[in-house]
Amino acid sequence: MHIASILLSASICLLRHDDRLPAFLKGPYVSLVSAAAAILLFLDPVPTPVHYLLAVPLLALVVNTLDTSSWHLTGLLSYRPMVMIGLWSYSLYLWQQPFYKFVAEQGSAPIPMLAAVFACALCSYYLVEKPARAWLNRNW
């Protein structure tokens, strides 16, 4: 089921590349409106099927139209803290799940766990991921 989001994004990319994306999905505010709608659809009272049926396609649209987006969204994403979170995002992705499980199953306080996620992710990024990328780029 999760592969559908990747395939959907790829489909939107191909439609856009072939200039077959509908006119109402073009323009500088499509990404901004789609991102806002997706965020609202991911809020807590919205049922999970709605996340997959509506929010995920909206996020796929955001990703594929970001390069033509208004300065409102691109400016926010170019803000240094957002850029750094983007650099660390893979490490954060890898480390969030064990700590999420710990909070959910052990009832631990979420704020210290969030700090621990960032600590592990930053160590992982700077001690493993970044040196590995540098080595691969240098030697491959």
Protein backbone atom coordinates (compact mmCIF):
# COMPACT_ATOMS: atom_id res chain seq x y z
CA MET A 1 0.00 0.00 0.00
CA HIS A 2 2.82 2.38 0.84
CA ILE A 3 4.35 2.03 -2.63
CA ALA A 4 1.24 3.73 -4.03
CA SER A 5 2.47 7.10 -2.77
CA ILE A 6 5.76 6.69 -4.63
CA LEU A 7 4.03 5.53 -7.80
CA LEU A 8 1.55 8.39 -7.55
CA SER A 9 4.38 10.90 -7.27
CA ALA A 10 6.13 9.31 -10.25
CA SER A 11 2.89 9.48 -12.25
CA ILE A 12 2.45 13.17 -11.46
CA CYS A 13 6.07 13.76 -12.45
CA LEU A 14 5.56 12.02 -15.80
CA LEU A 15 2.30 13.88 -16.48
CA ARG A 16 4.01 17.15 -15.70
CA HIS A 17 7.02 16.30 -17.86
CA ASP A 18 4.72 15.54 -20.81
CA ASP A 19 2.75 18.75 -20.11
CA ARG A 20 -0.38 16.67 -19.48
CA LEU A 21 -1.04 17.91 -15.94
CA PRO A 22 -4.47 19.59 -15.81
CA ALA A 23 -4.41 23.40 -15.91
CA PHE A 24 -5.88 23.76 -12.42
CA LEU A 25 -2.85 21.88 -11.05
CA LYS A 26 -0.43 24.41 -12.50
CA GLY A 27 0.51 27.76 -11.10
CA PRO A 28 2.57 29.29 -8.33
CA TYR A 29 0.11 28.57 -5.50
CA VAL A 30 -0.68 24.91 -6.19
CA SER A 31 2.15 23.70 -3.92
CA LEU A 32 1.27 26.11 -1.12
CA VAL A 33 -2.46 25.27 -1.13
CA SER A 34 -1.77 21.54 -1.49
CA ALA A 35 0.74 21.58 1.39
CA ALA A 36 -1.68 23.44 3.66
CA ALA A 37 -4.52 21.05 2.80
CA ALA A 38 -2.30 17.99 3.34
CA ILE A 39 -1.18 19.26 6.74
CA LEU A 40 -4.79 19.81 7.79
CA LEU A 41 -5.70 16.31 6.62
CA PHE A 42 -2.91 14.80 8.72
CA LEU A 43 -4.24 16.32 11.95
CA ASP A 44 -5.35 13.93 14.67
CA PRO A 45 -9.14 13.63 14.29
CA VAL A 46 -8.90 12.82 10.57
CA PRO A 47 -9.13 9.03 10.01
CA THR A 48 -6.14 7.19 8.56
CA PRO A 49 -7.83 6.23 5.25
CA VAL A 50 -8.23 9.95 4.52
CA HIS A 51 -4.47 10.37 4.98
CA TYR A 52 -3.84 7.89 2.18
CA LEU A 53 -6.70 8.89 -0.08
CA LEU A 54 -6.27 12.68 0.06
CA ALA A 55 -3.23 13.88 2.02
CA VAL A 56 -0.64 11.64 0.34
CA PRO A 57 -1.70 12.62 -3.22
CA LEU A 58 -1.60 16.27 -2.16
CA LEU A 59 1.95 15.82 -0.85
CA ALA A 60 2.94 14.11 -4.11
CA LEU A 61 1.59 17.14 -5.94
CA VAL A 62 3.57 19.46 -3.65
CA VAL A 63 6.82 17.61 -4.34
CA ASN A 64 6.26 17.71 -8.09
CA THR A 65 5.25 21.37 -8.35
CA LEU A 66 7.64 22.86 -5.83
CA ASP A 67 10.01 24.24 -8.46
CA THR A 68 7.25 26.53 -9.82
CA SER A 69 5.88 27.41 -6.40
CA SER A 70 5.40 30.88 -4.98
CA TRP A 71 8.09 32.48 -2.85
CA HIS A 72 5.93 31.88 0.24
CA LEU A 73 6.70 28.19 0.27
CA THR A 74 10.14 28.22 -1.35
CA GLY A 75 11.25 31.00 1.01
CA LEU A 76 10.12 28.99 4.03
CA LEU A 77 11.89 25.87 2.77
CA SER A 78 15.06 27.88 2.04
CA TYR A 79 15.20 29.17 5.62
CA ARG A 80 18.42 27.83 7.20
CA PRO A 81 16.77 25.76 9.99
CA MET A 82 14.50 24.09 7.42
CA VAL A 83 17.50 23.34 5.18
CA MET A 84 19.33 21.75 8.11
CA ILE A 85 16.32 19.61 9.04
CA GLY A 86 16.21 18.56 5.39
CA LEU A 87 19.85 17.48 5.55
CA TRP A 88 19.23 15.55 8.74
CA SER A 89 15.87 14.16 7.61
CA TYR A 90 17.06 10.68 6.64
CA SER A 91 18.83 10.20 9.96
CA LEU A 92 15.78 11.54 11.79
CA TYR A 93 13.63 9.12 9.81
CA LEU A 94 15.85 6.20 10.80
CA TRP A 95 15.94 7.06 14.50
CA GLN A 96 12.38 8.22 15.16
CA GLN A 97 10.71 4.82 15.14
CA PRO A 98 12.55 3.18 18.07
CA PHE A 99 11.94 6.25 20.22
CA TYR A 100 8.31 6.48 19.11
CA LYS A 101 7.83 2.86 20.16
CA PHE A 102 9.49 3.58 23.48
CA VAL A 103 7.11 6.49 24.16
CA ALA A 104 4.04 4.55 23.00
CA GLU A 105 4.79 1.29 24.82
CA GLN A 106 6.65 2.49 27.90
CA GLY A 107 4.76 5.73 28.45
CA SER A 108 7.95 7.79 28.47
CA ALA A 109 7.79 11.57 28.28
CA PRO A 110 7.82 12.60 24.60
CA ILE A 111 9.97 15.75 24.89
CA PRO A 112 13.08 13.99 26.29
CA MET A 113 12.58 11.26 23.68
CA LEU A 114 12.42 13.90 20.94
CA ALA A 115 15.70 15.32 22.21
CA ALA A 116 17.18 11.81 22.18
CA VAL A 117 15.97 11.28 18.60
CA PHE A 118 17.73 14.46 17.51
CA ALA A 119 20.90 13.53 19.44
CA CYS A 120 21.08 10.07 17.85
CA ALA A 121 20.18 11.39 14.41
CA LEU A 122 22.80 14.14 14.52
CA CYS A 123 25.48 11.71 15.70
CA SER A 124 24.44 9.30 12.97
CA TYR A 125 24.46 12.04 10.32
CA TYR A 126 27.82 13.58 11.23
CA LEU A 127 29.67 10.39 12.22
CA VAL A 128 28.30 7.92 9.65
CA GLU A 129 26.16 9.36 6.87
CA LYS A 130 28.14 12.48 5.96
CA PRO A 131 31.57 10.77 5.99
CA ALA A 132 30.16 7.84 3.99
CA ARG A 133 28.73 10.21 1.38
CA ALA A 134 32.02 12.10 1.19
CA TRP A 135 33.95 8.85 0.73
CA LEU A 136 31.54 7.60 -1.95
CA ASN A 137 31.67 10.90 -3.81
CA ARG A 138 35.45 10.95 -3.67
CA ASN A 139 35.98 7.34 -4.70
CA TRP A 140 33.12 6.55 -7.01
